[in-house]
Amino acid sequence: MENCTHNCETCGANCPSRTAGNPGPQYSVPKDTTHIKKIIAVMSGKGGVGKSMVSASIAVELAKQGYLTAILDADITGPSIPKLFGLYGRPLGDENGIYPFKSDHYGVKIMSTNFLLENETQPVVWRGPVISGMVQQFYTEVYWEDVDYMIIDMPPGTGDVPITIFQSIPVDGIVIVTSPQELVSMIVSKAVNMANMLNKPILGAIENMSYFKCPDCGKEHEIFGPSHADEIESDFGIPVLARVPIDPSVAELSDKGKFEDVDASGWIKETVDALKGMITE
């Protein structure tokens, strides 16, 4: 309508927006050949807590269990997923779209901005709308084909790109990654509030870099301070799926592009089994 204020609560007109039966979010549509069953977003209220490591760990464990798995690297300006898996170069494609890379051992399908750059160290100096558009294109223009679980490695914070993702991609649930520092409550609050505002279910939290276990004496040292896992559960009603230890071998294998060789058996299987149970219809 010509004089529409876009505020349906104060409007008495019978316009299509009011009579469409509240159809809900209008999600972007992937290619006809793409069939994605479940989508899990891994996010945090800040950077540097290990979202990419958690995303990669979940995807690899699911693939080990026989599921067709994919990672959509939505951290456009700071992509690290290709480095973890040792993947480089330009993706194949045609006039209608592009094909994702696949990891060497377990065939995890991966799409990231780094595959589209002349040099992996080239900065992505784009404004918010362009970055958001790229994420949507990764979802709609990549030949993902059949995927049981797609993991979205989110950018840090609660800005344009996370909003675009939650409004345009049918995310089934969110995993929040935290660290043990005192400011964790504020960080988790931001992520939780955003998820609630956009009506997205939070599956649980993962406390990364929770402790270091001495290889000599077996004692656990809380390098970054005491764990706040219990507070997360009590204050936000979110189950803590895992407390992930600091493991130098993870950094070493990640730097070598051999993340699929990481032994995360101490926490990842129970975490993944819990996630599967939460989003099974």
C-alpha atoms as a PDB file:
ATOM      1  CA  MET A   1       0.000   0.000   0.000  1.00  0.00           C
ATOM      2  CA  GLU A   2       1.154   3.518  -0.778  1.00  0.00           C
ATOM      3  CA  ASN A   3       1.064   4.796   2.818  1.00  0.00           C
ATOM      4  CA  CYS A   4       2.293   1.620   4.492  1.00  0.00           C
ATOM      5  CA  THR A   5       4.362   2.195   7.659  1.00  0.00           C
ATOM      6  CA  HIS A   6       5.465  -1.487   7.777  1.00  0.00           C
ATOM      7  CA  ASN A   7       4.048  -1.734  11.302  1.00  0.00           C
ATOM      8  CA  CYS A   8       1.290  -4.333  11.152  1.00  0.00           C
ATOM      9  CA  GLU A   9       0.440  -3.920  14.850  1.00  0.00           C
ATOM     10  CA  THR A  10      -0.929  -0.402  14.345  1.00  0.00           C
ATOM     11  CA  CYS A  11      -2.413  -0.977  10.896  1.00  0.00           C
ATOM     12  CA  GLY A  12      -5.964  -2.080  10.216  1.00  0.00           C
ATOM     13  CA  ALA A  13      -5.640  -2.580   6.484  1.00  0.00           C
ATOM     14  CA  ASN A  14      -6.281  -5.968   4.910  1.00  0.00           C
ATOM     15  CA  CYS A  15      -3.022  -6.049   2.932  1.00  0.00           C
ATOM     16  CA  PRO A  16      -1.300  -9.273   1.781  1.00  0.00           C
ATOM     17  CA  SER A  17       1.240  -9.010   4.592  1.00  0.00           C
ATOM     18  CA  ARG A  18      -1.556  -9.457   7.142  1.00  0.00           C
ATOM     19  CA  THR A  19      -3.576 -12.057   5.262  1.00  0.00           C
ATOM     20  CA  ALA A  20      -0.847 -14.416   4.110  1.00  0.00           C
ATOM     21  CA  GLY A  21      -1.321 -16.580   7.180  1.00  0.00           C
ATOM     22  CA  ASN A  22       2.059 -15.683   8.704  1.00  0.00           C
ATOM     23  CA  PRO A  23       4.090 -17.896   6.354  1.00  0.00           C
ATOM     24  CA  GLY A  24       7.299 -17.445   8.369  1.00  0.00           C
ATOM     25  CA  PRO A  25      10.801 -16.799   7.059  1.00  0.00           C
ATOM     26  CA  GLN A  26      11.308 -16.915   3.303  1.00  0.00           C
ATOM     27  CA  TYR A  27      14.499 -18.933   3.028  1.00  0.00           C
ATOM     28  CA  SER A  28      16.855 -18.956   0.070  1.00  0.00           C
ATOM     29  CA  VAL A  29      16.543 -21.980  -2.193  1.00  0.00           C
ATOM     30  CA  PRO A  30      19.581 -24.122  -3.065  1.00  0.00           C
ATOM     31  CA  LYS A  31      20.039 -25.868  -6.395  1.00  0.00           C
ATOM     32  CA  ASP A  32      17.492 -28.449  -7.528  1.00  0.00           C
ATOM     33  CA  THR A  33      20.105 -31.177  -7.145  1.00  0.00           C
ATOM     34  CA  THR A  34      20.914 -30.151  -3.567  1.00  0.00           C
ATOM     35  CA  HIS A  35      19.229 -31.944  -0.680  1.00  0.00           C
ATOM     36  CA  ILE A  36      20.405 -30.865   2.783  1.00  0.00           C
ATOM     37  CA  LYS A  37      18.746 -32.635   5.694  1.00  0.00           C
ATOM     38  CA  LYS A  38      20.106 -30.761   8.743  1.00  0.00           C
ATOM     39  CA  ILE A  39      22.033 -27.529   9.251  1.00  0.00           C
ATOM     40  CA  ILE A  40      23.996 -26.669  12.403  1.00  0.00           C
ATOM     41  CA  ALA A  41      25.513 -23.201  12.911  1.00  0.00           C
ATOM     42  CA  VAL A  42      28.604 -22.881  15.122  1.00  0.00           C
ATOM     43  CA  MET A  43      28.848 -19.362  16.543  1.00  0.00           C
ATOM     44  CA  SER A  44      30.187 -17.185  19.340  1.00  0.00           C
ATOM     45  CA  GLY A  45      29.762 -13.656  20.587  1.00  0.00           C
ATOM     46  CA  LYS A  46      33.461 -12.961  19.907  1.00  0.00           C
ATOM     47  CA  GLY A  47      36.398 -14.176  17.853  1.00  0.00           C
ATOM     48  CA  GLY A  48      39.341 -16.333  18.856  1.00  0.00           C
ATOM     49  CA  VAL A  49      37.476 -19.047  20.750  1.00  0.00           C
ATOM     50  CA  GLY A  50      37.931 -21.840  18.213  1.00  0.00           C
ATOM     51  CA  LYS A  51      34.713 -21.952  16.165  1.00  0.00           C
ATOM     52  CA  SER A  52      36.520 -23.336  13.125  1.00  0.00           C
ATOM     53  CA  MET A  53      38.140 -26.092  15.168  1.00  0.00           C
ATOM     54  CA  VAL A  54      34.767 -27.063  16.633  1.00  0.00           C
ATOM     55  CA  SER A  55      33.066 -26.886  13.218  1.00  0.00           C
ATOM     56  CA  ALA A  56      35.733 -29.076  11.654  1.00  0.00           C
ATOM     57  CA  SER A  57      35.643 -31.544  14.558  1.00  0.00           C
ATOM     58  CA  ILE A  58      31.867 -31.980  14.308  1.00  0.00           C
ATOM     59  CA  ALA A  59      31.956 -32.378  10.526  1.00  0.00           C
ATOM     60  CA  VAL A  60      34.779 -34.935  10.576  1.00  0.00           C
ATOM     61  CA  GLU A  61      33.186 -37.001  13.345  1.00  0.00           C
ATOM     62  CA  LEU A  62      29.873 -37.091  11.468  1.00  0.00           C
ATOM     63  CA  ALA A  63      31.706 -38.169   8.325  1.00  0.00           C
ATOM     64  CA  LYS A  64      33.511 -40.897  10.285  1.00  0.00           C
ATOM     65  CA  GLN A  65      30.097 -42.169  11.348  1.00  0.00           C
ATOM     66  CA  GLY A  66      29.077 -42.490   7.701  1.00  0.00           C
ATOM     67  CA  TYR A  67      27.083 -39.311   7.207  1.00  0.00           C
ATOM     68  CA  LEU A  68      27.408 -37.083   4.143  1.00  0.00           C
ATOM     69  CA  THR A  69      28.829 -33.926   5.649  1.00  0.00           C
ATOM     70  CA  ALA A  70      29.579 -30.382   4.472  1.00  0.00           C
ATOM     71  CA  ILE A  71      31.094 -27.203   5.884  1.00  0.00           C
ATOM     72  CA  LEU A  72      29.944 -23.804   4.656  1.00  0.00           C
ATOM     73  CA  ASP A  73      32.683 -21.416   5.764  1.00  0.00           C
ATOM     74  CA  ALA A  74      30.708 -18.244   6.474  1.00  0.00           C
ATOM     75  CA  ASP A  75      33.654 -16.440   8.079  1.00  0.00           C
ATOM     76  CA  ILE A  76      34.251 -14.586   4.823  1.00  0.00           C
ATOM     77  CA  THR A  77      36.936 -12.163   6.020  1.00  0.00           C
ATOM     78  CA  GLY A  78      38.802 -14.661   8.193  1.00  0.00           C
ATOM     79  CA  PRO A  79      38.381 -18.112   6.654  1.00  0.00           C
ATOM     80  CA  SER A  80      40.481 -20.847   8.218  1.00  0.00           C
ATOM     81  CA  ILE A  81      38.657 -24.035   7.245  1.00  0.00           C
ATOM     82  CA  PRO A  82      40.683 -24.601   4.019  1.00  0.00           C
ATOM     83  CA  LYS A  83      43.933 -24.330   5.985  1.00  0.00           C
ATOM     84  CA  LEU A  84      42.782 -26.927   8.512  1.00  0.00           C
ATOM     85  CA  PHE A  85      42.109 -29.439   5.734  1.00  0.00           C
ATOM     86  CA  GLY A  86      45.077 -28.541   3.528  1.00  0.00           C
ATOM     87  CA  LEU A  87      42.867 -27.476   0.607  1.00  0.00           C
ATOM     88  CA  TYR A  88      44.057 -24.889  -1.913  1.00  0.00           C
ATOM     89  CA  GLY A  89      43.285 -23.658  -5.418  1.00  0.00           C
ATOM     90  CA  ARG A  90      40.216 -22.696  -7.377  1.00  0.00           C
ATOM     91  CA  PRO A  91      37.027 -24.799  -7.369  1.00  0.00           C
ATOM     92  CA  LEU A  92      35.640 -26.319 -10.552  1.00  0.00           C
ATOM     93  CA  GLY A  93      32.353 -25.012 -11.886  1.00  0.00           C
ATOM     94  CA  ASP A  94      30.233 -24.003 -14.840  1.00  0.00           C
ATOM     95  CA  GLU A  95      27.963 -21.138 -15.806  1.00  0.00           C
ATOM     96  CA  ASN A  96      25.355 -22.318 -13.303  1.00  0.00           C
ATOM     97  CA  GLY A  97      27.466 -22.791 -10.197  1.00  0.00           C
ATOM     98  CA  ILE A  98      30.574 -24.202  -8.555  1.00  0.00           C
ATOM     99  CA  TYR A  99      31.542 -27.521  -6.982  1.00  0.00           C
ATOM    100  CA  PRO A 100      32.759 -27.734  -3.393  1.00  0.00           C
ATOM    101  CA  PHE A 101      36.134 -29.148  -2.480  1.00  0.00           C
ATOM    102  CA  LYS A 102      36.242 -32.475  -0.659  1.00  0.00           C
ATOM    103  CA  SER A 103      38.559 -33.379   2.211  1.00  0.00           C
ATOM    104  CA  ASP A 104      41.092 -36.109   1.511  1.00  0.00           C
ATOM    105  CA  HIS A 105      40.141 -38.811   4.021  1.00  0.00           C
ATOM    106  CA  TYR A 106      36.428 -38.523   4.760  1.00  0.00           C
ATOM    107  CA  GLY A 107      35.050 -36.537   1.837  1.00  0.00           C
ATOM    108  CA  VAL A 108      33.725 -33.560   3.802  1.00  0.00           C
ATOM    109  CA  LYS A 109      32.415 -31.044   1.252  1.00  0.00           C
ATOM    110  CA  ILE A 110      33.802 -27.554   1.826  1.00  0.00           C
ATOM    111  CA  MET A 111      33.241 -24.099   0.345  1.00  0.00           C
ATOM    112  CA  SER A 112      35.160 -21.035   1.506  1.00  0.00           C
ATOM    113  CA  THR A 113      36.141 -17.582   0.298  1.00  0.00           C
ATOM    114  CA  ASN A 114      39.800 -18.631   0.239  1.00  0.00           C
ATOM    115  CA  PHE A 115      39.088 -20.815  -2.793  1.00  0.00           C
ATOM    116  CA  LEU A 116      38.041 -17.729  -4.752  1.00  0.00           C
ATOM    117  CA  LEU A 117      41.056 -15.535  -3.985  1.00  0.00           C
ATOM    118  CA  GLU A 118      44.202 -15.177  -6.078  1.00  0.00           C
ATOM    119  CA  ASN A 119      46.257 -15.633  -2.911  1.00  0.00           C
ATOM    120  CA  GLU A 120      45.130 -17.084   0.434  1.00  0.00           C
ATOM    121  CA  THR A 121      46.734 -14.134   2.247  1.00  0.00           C
ATOM    122  CA  GLN A 122      44.794 -11.595   0.176  1.00  0.00           C
ATOM    123  CA  PRO A 123      42.492  -9.597   2.480  1.00  0.00           C
ATOM    124  CA  VAL A 124      38.759  -9.546   1.812  1.00  0.00           C
ATOM    125  CA  VAL A 125      37.995  -5.824   2.019  1.00  0.00           C
ATOM    126  CA  TRP A 126      34.260  -5.905   1.400  1.00  0.00           C
ATOM    127  CA  ARG A 127      31.332  -4.124   2.994  1.00  0.00           C
ATOM    128  CA  GLY A 128      28.684  -5.986   4.963  1.00  0.00           C
ATOM    129  CA  PRO A 129      26.051  -6.402   2.215  1.00  0.00           C
ATOM    130  CA  VAL A 130      28.612  -7.889  -0.190  1.00  0.00           C
ATOM    131  CA  ILE A 131      29.839 -10.344   2.447  1.00  0.00           C
ATOM    132  CA  SER A 132      26.270 -11.338   3.287  1.00  0.00           C
ATOM    133  CA  GLY A 133      25.541 -11.855  -0.394  1.00  0.00           C
ATOM    134  CA  MET A 134      28.543 -14.142  -0.745  1.00  0.00           C
ATOM    135  CA  VAL A 135      27.307 -16.357   2.091  1.00  0.00           C
ATOM    136  CA  GLN A 136      23.914 -16.685   0.413  1.00  0.00           C
ATOM    137  CA  GLN A 137      25.621 -17.574  -2.859  1.00  0.00           C
ATOM    138  CA  PHE A 138      27.581 -20.312  -1.119  1.00  0.00           C
ATOM    139  CA  TYR A 139      24.264 -21.801  -0.059  1.00  0.00           C
ATOM    140  CA  THR A 140      22.350 -21.337  -3.301  1.00  0.00           C
ATOM    141  CA  GLU A 141      24.962 -21.601  -6.078  1.00  0.00           C
ATOM    142  CA  VAL A 142      27.194 -24.454  -4.926  1.00  0.00           C
ATOM    143  CA  TYR A 143      26.518 -27.997  -6.104  1.00  0.00           C
ATOM    144  CA  TRP A 144      26.235 -29.458  -2.619  1.00  0.00           C
ATOM    145  CA  GLU A 145      24.167 -32.425  -3.825  1.00  0.00           C
ATOM    146  CA  ASP A 146      23.129 -34.802  -0.999  1.00  0.00           C
ATOM    147  CA  VAL A 147      24.152 -33.676   2.495  1.00  0.00           C
ATOM    148  CA  ASP A 148      23.027 -35.222   5.777  1.00  0.00           C
ATOM    149  CA  TYR A 149      24.592 -32.508   7.971  1.00  0.00           C
ATOM    150  CA  MET A 150      25.839 -29.096   6.892  1.00  0.00           C
ATOM    151  CA  ILE A 151      27.953 -27.247   9.458  1.00  0.00           C
ATOM    152  CA  ILE A 152      28.104 -23.461   9.080  1.00  0.00           C
ATOM    153  CA  ASP A 153      31.285 -21.969  10.511  1.00  0.00           C
ATOM    154  CA  MET A 154      29.947 -18.561  11.524  1.00  0.00           C
ATOM    155  CA  PRO A 155      31.869 -15.279  11.641  1.00  0.00           C
ATOM    156  CA  PRO A 156      32.452 -13.824  15.117  1.00  0.00           C
ATOM    157  CA  GLY A 157      29.914 -11.516  16.695  1.00  0.00           C
ATOM    158  CA  THR A 158      26.290 -10.726  15.948  1.00  0.00           C
ATOM    159  CA  GLY A 159      26.432  -8.464  12.881  1.00  0.00           C
ATOM    160  CA  ASP A 160      25.180  -8.467   9.299  1.00  0.00           C
ATOM    161  CA  VAL A 161      26.365 -11.908   8.248  1.00  0.00           C
ATOM    162  CA  PRO A 162      24.864 -13.894  11.167  1.00  0.00           C
ATOM    163  CA  ILE A 163      21.577 -12.051  10.694  1.00  0.00           C
ATOM    164  CA  THR A 164      21.594 -12.864   6.974  1.00  0.00           C
ATOM    165  CA  ILE A 165      22.356 -16.509   7.657  1.00  0.00           C
ATOM    166  CA  PHE A 166      19.595 -16.992  10.195  1.00  0.00           C
ATOM    167  CA  GLN A 167      17.051 -15.179   8.043  1.00  0.00           C
ATOM    168  CA  SER A 168      17.919 -16.803   4.724  1.00  0.00           C
ATOM    169  CA  ILE A 169      19.132 -20.314   5.602  1.00  0.00           C
ATOM    170  CA  PRO A 170      16.956 -22.859   7.495  1.00  0.00           C
ATOM    171  CA  VAL A 171      19.319 -23.478  10.420  1.00  0.00           C
ATOM    172  CA  ASP A 172      18.099 -26.345  12.618  1.00  0.00           C
ATOM    173  CA  GLY A 173      20.154 -25.427  15.658  1.00  0.00           C
ATOM    174  CA  ILE A 174      23.064 -23.431  17.050  1.00  0.00           C
ATOM    175  CA  VAL A 175      26.160 -24.519  18.951  1.00  0.00           C
ATOM    176  CA  ILE A 176      27.783 -21.708  20.949  1.00  0.00           C
ATOM    177  CA  VAL A 177      31.544 -21.874  21.473  1.00  0.00           C
ATOM    178  CA  THR A 178      32.991 -20.200  24.552  1.00  0.00           C
ATOM    179  CA  SER A 179      36.252 -20.013  26.489  1.00  0.00           C
ATOM    180  CA  PRO A 180      36.808 -19.975  30.276  1.00  0.00           C
ATOM    181  CA  GLN A 181      37.596 -16.256  30.709  1.00  0.00           C
ATOM    182  CA  GLU A 182      35.530 -14.129  33.089  1.00  0.00           C
ATOM    183  CA  LEU A 183      33.882 -12.232  30.229  1.00  0.00           C
ATOM    184  CA  VAL A 184      32.260 -15.453  29.023  1.00  0.00           C
ATOM    185  CA  SER A 185      28.891 -14.493  30.509  1.00  0.00           C
ATOM    186  CA  MET A 186      28.670 -11.347  28.386  1.00  0.00           C
ATOM    187  CA  ILE A 187      29.792 -13.220  25.265  1.00  0.00           C
ATOM    188  CA  VAL A 188      27.297 -16.030  25.719  1.00  0.00           C
ATOM    189  CA  SER A 189      24.558 -13.501  26.490  1.00  0.00           C
ATOM    190  CA  LYS A 190      25.067 -11.820  23.119  1.00  0.00           C
ATOM    191  CA  ALA A 191      24.853 -15.098  21.217  1.00  0.00           C
ATOM    192  CA  VAL A 192      21.862 -16.334  23.216  1.00  0.00           C
ATOM    193  CA  ASN A 193      19.961 -13.071  22.826  1.00  0.00           C
ATOM    194  CA  MET A 194      20.542 -13.041  19.085  1.00  0.00           C
ATOM    195  CA  ALA A 195      19.385 -16.636  18.734  1.00  0.00           C
ATOM    196  CA  ASN A 196      16.251 -15.870  20.729  1.00  0.00           C
ATOM    197  CA  MET A 197      15.512 -12.723  18.722  1.00  0.00           C
ATOM    198  CA  LEU A 198      15.703 -14.714  15.484  1.00  0.00           C
ATOM    199  CA  ASN A 199      13.851 -17.700  16.934  1.00  0.00           C
ATOM    200  CA  LYS A 200      16.657 -20.208  16.451  1.00  0.00           C
ATOM    201  CA  PRO A 201      17.105 -23.103  18.912  1.00  0.00           C
ATOM    202  CA  ILE A 202      20.366 -23.347  20.840  1.00  0.00           C
ATOM    203  CA  LEU A 203      21.506 -26.949  21.030  1.00  0.00           C
ATOM    204  CA  GLY A 204      24.257 -26.370  23.558  1.00  0.00           C
ATOM    205  CA  ALA A 205      27.592 -24.783  24.345  1.00  0.00           C
ATOM    206  CA  ILE A 206      31.156 -26.031  24.028  1.00  0.00           C
ATOM    207  CA  GLU A 207      33.828 -24.599  26.313  1.00  0.00           C
ATOM    208  CA  ASN A 208      37.054 -24.628  24.319  1.00  0.00           C
ATOM    209  CA  MET A 209      40.575 -24.300  25.798  1.00  0.00           C
ATOM    210  CA  SER A 210      39.013 -25.358  29.075  1.00  0.00           C
ATOM    211  CA  TYR A 211      42.146 -26.885  30.604  1.00  0.00           C
ATOM    212  CA  PHE A 212      45.527 -28.423  29.833  1.00  0.00           C
ATOM    213  CA  LYS A 213      46.220 -31.963  30.984  1.00  0.00           C
ATOM    214  CA  CYS A 214      49.852 -32.493  31.926  1.00  0.00           C
ATOM    215  CA  PRO A 215      51.251 -35.456  29.952  1.00  0.00           C
ATOM    216  CA  ASP A 216      53.617 -36.309  32.819  1.00  0.00           C
ATOM    217  CA  CYS A 217      51.453 -36.213  35.942  1.00  0.00           C
ATOM    218  CA  GLY A 218      47.959 -36.206  34.431  1.00  0.00           C
ATOM    219  CA  LYS A 219      46.882 -33.144  36.409  1.00  0.00           C
ATOM    220  CA  GLU A 220      44.484 -30.691  34.738  1.00  0.00           C
ATOM    221  CA  HIS A 221      45.631 -27.062  34.729  1.00  0.00           C
ATOM    222  CA  GLU A 222      43.070 -24.323  33.984  1.00  0.00           C
ATOM    223  CA  ILE A 223      45.361 -22.048  31.983  1.00  0.00           C
ATOM    224  CA  PHE A 224      42.694 -19.425  31.235  1.00  0.00           C
ATOM    225  CA  GLY A 225      41.050 -19.523  34.638  1.00  0.00           C
ATOM    226  CA  PRO A 226      38.342 -21.682  36.182  1.00  0.00           C
ATOM    227  CA  SER A 227      35.639 -23.182  34.008  1.00  0.00           C
ATOM    228  CA  HIS A 228      32.303 -21.366  33.714  1.00  0.00           C
ATOM    229  CA  ALA A 229      30.470 -24.358  32.306  1.00  0.00           C
ATOM    230  CA  ASP A 230      28.219 -24.721  35.357  1.00  0.00           C
ATOM    231  CA  GLU A 231      27.274 -21.032  35.169  1.00  0.00           C
ATOM    232  CA  ILE A 232      26.360 -21.348  31.510  1.00  0.00           C
ATOM    233  CA  GLU A 233      24.016 -24.211  32.287  1.00  0.00           C
ATOM    234  CA  SER A 234      22.407 -22.488  35.278  1.00  0.00           C
ATOM    235  CA  ASP A 235      22.241 -18.917  33.952  1.00  0.00           C
ATOM    236  CA  PHE A 236      21.141 -19.651  30.399  1.00  0.00           C
ATOM    237  CA  GLY A 237      19.608 -23.106  30.612  1.00  0.00           C
ATOM    238  CA  ILE A 238      21.990 -24.319  27.904  1.00  0.00           C
ATOM    239  CA  PRO A 239      23.588 -27.752  28.197  1.00  0.00           C
ATOM    240  CA  VAL A 240      27.382 -27.714  28.033  1.00  0.00           C
ATOM    241  CA  LEU A 241      28.150 -30.419  25.507  1.00  0.00           C
ATOM    242  CA  ALA A 242      31.888 -30.577  26.152  1.00  0.00           C
ATOM    243  CA  ARG A 243      34.876 -29.025  27.893  1.00  0.00           C
ATOM    244  CA  VAL A 244      37.630 -29.227  25.298  1.00  0.00           C
ATOM    245  CA  PRO A 245      41.225 -29.398  26.542  1.00  0.00           C
ATOM    246  CA  ILE A 246      44.177 -27.484  25.119  1.00  0.00           C
ATOM    247  CA  ASP A 247      46.052 -29.958  22.938  1.00  0.00           C
ATOM    248  CA  PRO A 248      49.258 -28.855  21.160  1.00  0.00           C
ATOM    249  CA  SER A 249      48.879 -31.695  18.646  1.00  0.00           C
ATOM    250  CA  VAL A 250      45.662 -30.097  17.343  1.00  0.00           C
ATOM    251  CA  ALA A 251      47.518 -26.890  16.494  1.00  0.00           C
ATOM    252  CA  GLU A 252      50.363 -28.844  14.899  1.00  0.00           C
ATOM    253  CA  LEU A 253      48.101 -30.936  12.669  1.00  0.00           C
ATOM    254  CA  SER A 254      45.975 -27.901  11.800  1.00  0.00           C
ATOM    255  CA  ASP A 255      49.040 -25.980  10.661  1.00  0.00           C
ATOM    256  CA  LYS A 256      49.990 -28.932   8.455  1.00  0.00           C
ATOM    257  CA  GLY A 257      46.516 -29.118   6.924  1.00  0.00           C
ATOM    258  CA  LYS A 258      45.914 -32.544   8.435  1.00  0.00           C
ATOM    259  CA  PHE A 259      42.959 -31.853  10.696  1.00  0.00           C
ATOM    260  CA  GLU A 260      41.350 -35.170   9.792  1.00  0.00           C
ATOM    261  CA  ASP A 261      44.203 -36.847  11.694  1.00  0.00           C
ATOM    262  CA  VAL A 262      43.298 -35.047  14.946  1.00  0.00           C
ATOM    263  CA  ASP A 263      42.278 -37.393  17.753  1.00  0.00           C
ATOM    264  CA  ALA A 264      39.276 -35.703  19.368  1.00  0.00           C
ATOM    265  CA  SER A 265      37.857 -38.949  20.733  1.00  0.00           C
ATOM    266  CA  GLY A 266      37.887 -37.610  24.285  1.00  0.00           C
ATOM    267  CA  TRP A 267      34.972 -35.281  23.654  1.00  0.00           C
ATOM    268  CA  ILE A 268      33.702 -35.226  20.082  1.00  0.00           C
ATOM    269  CA  LYS A 269      31.752 -38.499  19.797  1.00  0.00           C
ATOM    270  CA  GLU A 270      29.503 -37.835  22.800  1.00  0.00           C
ATOM    271  CA  THR A 271      29.021 -34.248  21.608  1.00  0.00           C
ATOM    272  CA  VAL A 272      28.015 -35.299  18.102  1.00  0.00           C
ATOM    273  CA  ASP A 273      25.699 -38.042  19.369  1.00  0.00           C
ATOM    274  CA  ALA A 274      23.983 -35.459  21.582  1.00  0.00           C
ATOM    275  CA  LEU A 275      23.588 -33.040  18.674  1.00  0.00           C
ATOM    276  CA  LYS A 276      22.102 -35.719  16.449  1.00  0.00           C
ATOM    277  CA  GLY A 277      19.572 -36.569  19.128  1.00  0.00           C
ATOM    278  CA  MET A 278      18.533 -32.945  19.580  1.00  0.00           C
ATOM    279  CA  ILE A 279      17.729 -32.271  15.930  1.00  0.00           C
ATOM    280  CA  THR A 280      16.246 -35.626  14.917  1.00  0.00           C
ATOM    281  CA  GLU A 281      12.664 -35.178  13.899  1.00  0.00           C
END
